[in-house]
């Protein structure tokens, strides 16, 4: 689940959450239980919204891993091995939010969807 808070508008929150939720590198990081905040920030940067990267924070399962666009030393110790991962992104710009559900990108998914031609 991807939740974006601190957006200037609900449209900005939804747009940012969608970009992150659809990002293949974010999906593979989540599948690999990798709290890769850099991939999340890269996806946030692709969203069609104005933001100040120095105000963005990222948390995985309630654990802050990136504050003001800077990774925290404890980020690598975050356990993402459970069936559900919550990614919280605070844009630090306003008071609007949105949540998008997504899936990871596993070996099985790639194999299944590459096994046929259209």
N, C-alpha and C. Protein backbone atom coordinates (compact mmCIF):
# COMPACT_ATOMS: atom_id res chain seq x y z
N UNK A 1 0.85 -1.16 0.00
CA UNK A 1 0.00 0.00 0.00
C UNK A 1 0.91 1.24 0.00
N UNK A 2 0.57 2.18 -0.87
CA UNK A 2 1.32 3.43 -0.97
C UNK A 2 0.43 4.56 -0.48
N UNK A 3 0.85 5.27 0.54
CA UNK A 3 0.11 6.42 1.05
C UNK A 3 0.97 7.66 0.89
N UNK A 4 0.37 8.68 0.29
CA UNK A 4 1.04 9.97 0.15
C UNK A 4 0.29 10.98 1.00
N UNK A 5 1.01 11.65 1.88
CA UNK A 5 0.44 12.71 2.70
C UNK A 5 1.20 14.00 2.41
N UNK A 6 0.72 15.08 2.99
CA UNK A 6 1.43 16.34 2.85
C UNK A 6 1.41 16.93 1.45
N UNK A 7 0.41 16.56 0.66
CA UNK A 7 0.30 17.09 -0.70
C UNK A 7 -0.50 18.39 -0.69
N UNK A 8 -0.29 19.21 -1.71
CA UNK A 8 -1.04 20.46 -1.83
C UNK A 8 -2.49 20.20 -2.19
N UNK A 9 -2.75 19.12 -2.94
CA UNK A 9 -4.11 18.79 -3.36
C UNK A 9 -4.28 17.28 -3.36
N UNK A 10 -5.53 16.84 -3.33
CA UNK A 10 -5.78 15.40 -3.42
C UNK A 10 -5.30 14.87 -4.77
N UNK A 11 -5.46 15.65 -5.83
CA UNK A 11 -4.97 15.23 -7.15
C UNK A 11 -3.46 14.99 -7.13
N UNK A 12 -2.72 15.87 -6.46
CA UNK A 12 -1.27 15.68 -6.35
C UNK A 12 -0.94 14.41 -5.56
N UNK A 13 -1.68 14.16 -4.49
CA UNK A 13 -1.44 12.96 -3.68
C UNK A 13 -1.72 11.71 -4.49
N UNK A 14 -2.85 11.69 -5.22
CA UNK A 14 -3.21 10.53 -6.03
C UNK A 14 -2.18 10.32 -7.14
N UNK A 15 -1.81 11.39 -7.83
CA UNK A 15 -0.85 11.28 -8.93
C UNK A 15 0.49 10.73 -8.43
N UNK A 16 0.96 11.22 -7.31
CA UNK A 16 2.23 10.75 -6.76
C UNK A 16 2.13 9.29 -6.33
N UNK A 17 1.07 8.93 -5.64
CA UNK A 17 0.90 7.54 -5.21
C UNK A 17 0.83 6.60 -6.40
N UNK A 18 0.15 7.01 -7.46
CA UNK A 18 0.05 6.16 -8.66
C UNK A 18 1.40 5.95 -9.32
N UNK A 19 2.18 7.01 -9.44
CA UNK A 19 3.51 6.87 -10.05
C UNK A 19 4.36 5.91 -9.24
N UNK A 20 4.36 6.05 -7.93
CA UNK A 20 5.15 5.16 -7.07
C UNK A 20 4.62 3.73 -7.15
N UNK A 21 3.31 3.56 -7.10
CA UNK A 21 2.69 2.23 -7.11
C UNK A 21 2.95 1.49 -8.42
N UNK A 22 3.13 2.21 -9.51
CA UNK A 22 3.33 1.59 -10.83
C UNK A 22 4.81 1.42 -11.19
N UNK A 23 5.70 1.94 -10.39
CA UNK A 23 7.12 1.93 -10.72
C UNK A 23 7.71 0.52 -10.57
N UNK A 24 8.29 0.01 -11.65
CA UNK A 24 8.83 -1.35 -11.65
C UNK A 24 9.97 -1.53 -10.65
N UNK A 25 10.82 -0.53 -10.49
CA UNK A 25 11.93 -0.66 -9.54
C UNK A 25 11.45 -0.63 -8.10
N UNK A 26 10.42 0.13 -7.82
CA UNK A 26 9.82 0.10 -6.48
C UNK A 26 9.21 -1.28 -6.24
N UNK A 27 8.48 -1.80 -7.23
CA UNK A 27 7.85 -3.11 -7.09
C UNK A 27 8.88 -4.22 -6.85
N UNK A 28 10.00 -4.19 -7.58
CA UNK A 28 11.02 -5.22 -7.38
C UNK A 28 11.70 -5.07 -6.02
N UNK A 29 11.90 -3.84 -5.57
CA UNK A 29 12.47 -3.64 -4.23
C UNK A 29 11.54 -4.21 -3.16
N UNK A 30 10.25 -3.96 -3.30
CA UNK A 30 9.29 -4.50 -2.32
C UNK A 30 9.29 -6.02 -2.35
N UNK A 31 9.35 -6.62 -3.54
CA UNK A 31 9.41 -8.08 -3.64
C UNK A 31 10.66 -8.62 -2.94
N UNK A 32 11.77 -7.91 -3.08
CA UNK A 32 13.03 -8.33 -2.47
C UNK A 32 13.17 -7.92 -1.01
N UNK A 33 12.10 -7.41 -0.40
CA UNK A 33 12.12 -6.95 0.99
C UNK A 33 13.22 -5.93 1.23
N UNK A 34 13.44 -5.07 0.22
CA UNK A 34 14.49 -4.06 0.27
C UNK A 34 13.88 -2.69 0.54
N UNK A 35 14.15 -2.10 1.70
CA UNK A 35 13.60 -0.78 2.01
C UNK A 35 14.36 0.32 1.25
N UNK A 36 14.29 0.25 -0.06
CA UNK A 36 15.07 1.13 -0.92
C UNK A 36 14.36 2.47 -1.10
N UNK A 37 14.62 3.37 -0.19
CA UNK A 37 13.97 4.68 -0.22
C UNK A 37 14.38 5.48 -1.44
N UNK A 38 15.56 5.22 -1.98
CA UNK A 38 16.03 5.93 -3.17
C UNK A 38 15.14 5.66 -4.38
N UNK A 39 14.70 4.41 -4.52
CA UNK A 39 13.79 4.09 -5.62
C UNK A 39 12.45 4.78 -5.44
N UNK A 40 12.00 4.87 -4.20
CA UNK A 40 10.74 5.57 -3.93
C UNK A 40 10.89 7.05 -4.27
N UNK A 41 11.98 7.67 -3.84
CA UNK A 41 12.20 9.09 -4.14
C UNK A 41 12.32 9.33 -5.64
N UNK A 42 12.99 8.43 -6.35
CA UNK A 42 13.10 8.57 -7.80
C UNK A 42 11.72 8.55 -8.45
N UNK A 43 10.86 7.66 -7.98
CA UNK A 43 9.50 7.59 -8.52
C UNK A 43 8.72 8.85 -8.16
N UNK A 44 8.85 9.32 -6.93
CA UNK A 44 8.18 10.56 -6.51
C UNK A 44 8.60 11.70 -7.44
N UNK A 45 9.87 11.74 -7.78
CA UNK A 45 10.37 12.79 -8.66
C UNK A 45 9.79 12.76 -10.06
N UNK A 46 9.25 11.62 -10.47
CA UNK A 46 8.61 11.48 -11.78
C UNK A 46 7.15 11.92 -11.77
N UNK A 47 6.60 12.12 -10.61
CA UNK A 47 5.18 12.51 -10.51
C UNK A 47 5.00 13.94 -11.04
N UNK A 48 3.86 14.19 -11.67
CA UNK A 48 3.61 15.51 -12.25
C UNK A 48 3.13 16.53 -11.22
N UNK A 49 3.91 16.69 -10.17
CA UNK A 49 3.55 17.63 -9.10
C UNK A 49 4.77 18.47 -8.75
N UNK A 50 4.52 19.66 -8.25
CA UNK A 50 5.61 20.49 -7.76
C UNK A 50 5.90 20.10 -6.32
N UNK A 51 7.19 19.93 -6.01
CA UNK A 51 7.55 19.58 -4.64
C UNK A 51 8.97 20.04 -4.36
N UNK A 52 9.26 20.14 -3.09
CA UNK A 52 10.61 20.45 -2.62
C UNK A 52 11.20 19.15 -2.10
N UNK A 53 12.16 18.55 -2.83
CA UNK A 53 12.69 17.25 -2.41
C UNK A 53 13.27 17.25 -1.00
N UNK A 54 13.72 18.41 -0.54
CA UNK A 54 14.30 18.49 0.81
C UNK A 54 13.25 18.37 1.91
N UNK A 55 11.97 18.38 1.55
CA UNK A 55 10.91 18.26 2.56
C UNK A 55 10.27 16.87 2.57
N UNK A 56 10.67 16.00 1.65
CA UNK A 56 10.04 14.68 1.50
C UNK A 56 10.60 13.70 2.53
N UNK A 57 9.70 12.94 3.16
CA UNK A 57 10.11 11.85 4.05
C UNK A 57 9.46 10.56 3.57
N UNK A 58 10.13 9.43 3.85
CA UNK A 58 9.64 8.12 3.44
C UNK A 58 9.72 7.18 4.63
N UNK A 59 8.65 6.41 4.84
CA UNK A 59 8.62 5.38 5.89
C UNK A 59 8.15 4.07 5.28
N UNK A 60 8.69 2.97 5.80
CA UNK A 60 8.23 1.62 5.44
C UNK A 60 7.68 0.98 6.70
N UNK A 61 6.46 0.51 6.65
CA UNK A 61 5.83 -0.16 7.80
C UNK A 61 5.97 0.65 9.09
N UNK A 62 5.80 1.95 8.97
CA UNK A 62 5.85 2.82 10.14
C UNK A 62 7.24 3.21 10.61
N UNK A 63 8.27 2.78 9.90
CA UNK A 63 9.65 3.09 10.27
C UNK A 63 10.22 4.12 9.31
N UNK A 64 10.60 5.26 9.82
CA UNK A 64 11.18 6.32 9.01
C UNK A 64 12.52 5.87 8.45
N UNK A 65 12.69 5.95 7.12
CA UNK A 65 13.93 5.55 6.47
C UNK A 65 14.61 6.71 5.76
N UNK A 66 13.85 7.77 5.51
CA UNK A 66 14.38 8.92 4.79
C UNK A 66 13.70 10.17 5.32
N UNK A 67 14.48 11.09 5.83
CA UNK A 67 13.94 12.35 6.35
C UNK A 67 14.56 13.50 5.57
N UNK A 68 13.70 14.36 5.04
CA UNK A 68 14.17 15.52 4.28
C UNK A 68 15.13 15.12 3.17
N UNK A 69 14.75 14.06 2.47
CA UNK A 69 15.48 13.56 1.31
C UNK A 69 16.86 12.98 1.66
N UNK A 70 17.04 12.59 2.92
CA UNK A 70 18.31 12.01 3.36
C UNK A 70 18.03 10.67 4.04
N UNK A 71 18.71 9.62 3.58
CA UNK A 71 18.52 8.31 4.16
C UNK A 71 19.03 8.23 5.59
N UNK A 72 18.36 7.43 6.39
CA UNK A 72 18.76 7.24 7.78
C UNK A 72 19.57 5.95 7.90
N UNK A 73 20.58 5.91 8.77
CA UNK A 73 21.42 4.72 8.92
C UNK A 73 20.63 3.45 9.26
N UNK A 74 19.53 3.59 9.96
CA UNK A 74 18.75 2.42 10.37
C UNK A 74 17.88 1.85 9.26
N UNK A 75 17.88 2.48 8.09
CA UNK A 75 16.99 2.06 7.01
C UNK A 75 17.19 0.60 6.61
N UNK A 76 18.41 0.13 6.61
CA UNK A 76 18.70 -1.24 6.17
C UNK A 76 18.19 -2.30 7.13
N UNK A 77 17.89 -1.96 8.36
CA UNK A 77 17.41 -2.93 9.33
C UNK A 77 15.90 -3.13 9.30
N UNK A 78 15.19 -2.42 8.45
CA UNK A 78 13.73 -2.53 8.40
C UNK A 78 13.34 -3.88 7.82
N UNK A 79 12.43 -4.58 8.48
CA UNK A 79 11.96 -5.89 8.03
C UNK A 79 10.72 -5.73 7.14
N UNK A 80 10.86 -6.09 5.88
CA UNK A 80 9.74 -6.03 4.93
C UNK A 80 9.33 -7.42 4.46
N UNK A 81 9.61 -8.43 5.25
CA UNK A 81 9.38 -9.81 4.82
C UNK A 81 7.93 -10.27 4.93
N UNK A 82 7.07 -9.51 5.55
CA UNK A 82 5.67 -9.91 5.69
C UNK A 82 4.90 -9.82 4.39
N UNK A 83 3.66 -10.27 4.40
CA UNK A 83 2.85 -10.27 3.17
C UNK A 83 2.42 -8.87 2.73
N UNK A 84 2.40 -7.91 3.64
CA UNK A 84 1.98 -6.55 3.31
C UNK A 84 3.06 -5.55 3.70
N UNK A 85 3.27 -4.59 2.83
CA UNK A 85 4.22 -3.52 3.09
C UNK A 85 3.49 -2.20 2.92
N UNK A 86 3.67 -1.32 3.89
CA UNK A 86 3.09 0.02 3.81
C UNK A 86 4.20 1.02 3.57
N UNK A 87 4.06 1.77 2.49
CA UNK A 87 5.00 2.83 2.17
C UNK A 87 4.27 4.15 2.41
N UNK A 88 4.84 4.99 3.26
CA UNK A 88 4.27 6.30 3.55
C UNK A 88 5.24 7.37 3.05
N UNK A 89 4.73 8.22 2.20
CA UNK A 89 5.52 9.32 1.65
C UNK A 89 4.86 10.62 2.07
N UNK A 90 5.59 11.45 2.78
CA UNK A 90 5.08 12.77 3.18
C UNK A 90 5.79 13.81 2.32
N UNK A 91 5.03 14.51 1.49
CA UNK A 91 5.61 15.51 0.60
C UNK A 91 5.94 16.82 1.31
N UNK A 92 5.40 17.00 2.52
CA UNK A 92 5.71 18.19 3.31
C UNK A 92 5.26 19.50 2.69
N UNK A 93 4.18 19.45 1.90
CA UNK A 93 3.75 20.66 1.19
C UNK A 93 2.35 21.14 1.56
N UNK A 94 1.52 20.25 2.08
CA UNK A 94 0.13 20.62 2.36
C UNK A 94 -0.52 19.64 3.30
N UNK A 95 -1.85 19.53 3.21
CA UNK A 95 -2.57 18.65 4.14
C UNK A 95 -3.46 17.62 3.44
N UNK A 96 -3.22 17.38 2.17
CA UNK A 96 -4.03 16.40 1.42
C UNK A 96 -3.29 15.07 1.34
N UNK A 97 -4.08 13.98 1.20
CA UNK A 97 -3.48 12.65 1.17
C UNK A 97 -4.27 11.72 0.26
N UNK A 98 -3.64 10.59 -0.07
CA UNK A 98 -4.29 9.54 -0.87
C UNK A 98 -3.55 8.24 -0.62
N UNK A 99 -4.28 7.13 -0.78
CA UNK A 99 -3.71 5.79 -0.63
C UNK A 99 -4.04 4.97 -1.86
N UNK A 100 -3.05 4.25 -2.36
CA UNK A 100 -3.20 3.37 -3.52
C UNK A 100 -2.70 1.98 -3.12
N UNK A 101 -3.47 0.97 -3.45
CA UNK A 101 -3.00 -0.41 -3.24
C UNK A 101 -2.27 -0.87 -4.49
N UNK A 102 -1.24 -1.66 -4.30
CA UNK A 102 -0.46 -2.15 -5.43
C UNK A 102 0.07 -3.54 -5.10
N UNK A 103 0.79 -4.12 -6.02
CA UNK A 103 1.43 -5.43 -5.82
C UNK A 103 2.92 -5.29 -6.11
N UNK A 104 3.68 -6.30 -5.68
CA UNK A 104 5.09 -6.30 -6.03
C UNK A 104 5.26 -6.89 -7.43
N UNK A 105 6.49 -7.05 -7.85
CA UNK A 105 6.79 -7.61 -9.17
C UNK A 105 7.70 -8.81 -8.93
N UNK A 106 7.10 -9.99 -8.80
CA UNK A 106 7.83 -11.19 -8.42
C UNK A 106 8.31 -11.98 -9.63
N UNK A 107 9.17 -12.96 -9.38
CA UNK A 107 9.63 -13.86 -10.44
C UNK A 107 8.44 -14.54 -11.11
N UNK A 108 7.52 -15.03 -10.30
CA UNK A 108 6.35 -15.74 -10.84
C UNK A 108 5.53 -14.84 -11.75
N UNK A 109 5.34 -13.60 -11.38
CA UNK A 109 4.57 -12.66 -12.20
C UNK A 109 5.26 -12.45 -13.55
N UNK A 110 6.57 -12.22 -13.52
CA UNK A 110 7.30 -11.98 -14.76
C UNK A 110 7.27 -13.22 -15.64
N UNK A 111 7.49 -14.40 -15.06
CA UNK A 111 7.46 -15.64 -15.84
C UNK A 111 6.08 -15.87 -16.46
N UNK A 112 5.04 -15.71 -15.66
CA UNK A 112 3.68 -15.94 -16.16
C UNK A 112 3.33 -15.00 -17.30
N UNK A 113 3.70 -13.75 -17.17
CA UNK A 113 3.31 -12.77 -18.17
C UNK A 113 4.27 -12.67 -19.35
N UNK A 114 5.35 -13.42 -19.33
CA UNK A 114 6.24 -13.46 -20.48
C UNK A 114 6.16 -14.80 -21.21
N UNK A 115 5.30 -15.69 -20.74
CA UNK A 115 5.22 -17.05 -21.29
C UNK A 115 4.30 -17.17 -22.50
N UNK A 116 3.72 -16.09 -22.93
CA UNK A 116 2.82 -16.16 -24.09
C UNK A 116 3.05 -14.94 -24.96
N UNK A 117 2.66 -15.06 -26.22
CA UNK A 117 2.74 -13.89 -27.10
C UNK A 117 1.33 -13.52 -27.53
N UNK A 118 1.14 -12.27 -27.86
CA UNK A 118 -0.21 -11.83 -28.22
C UNK A 118 -0.41 -11.79 -29.72
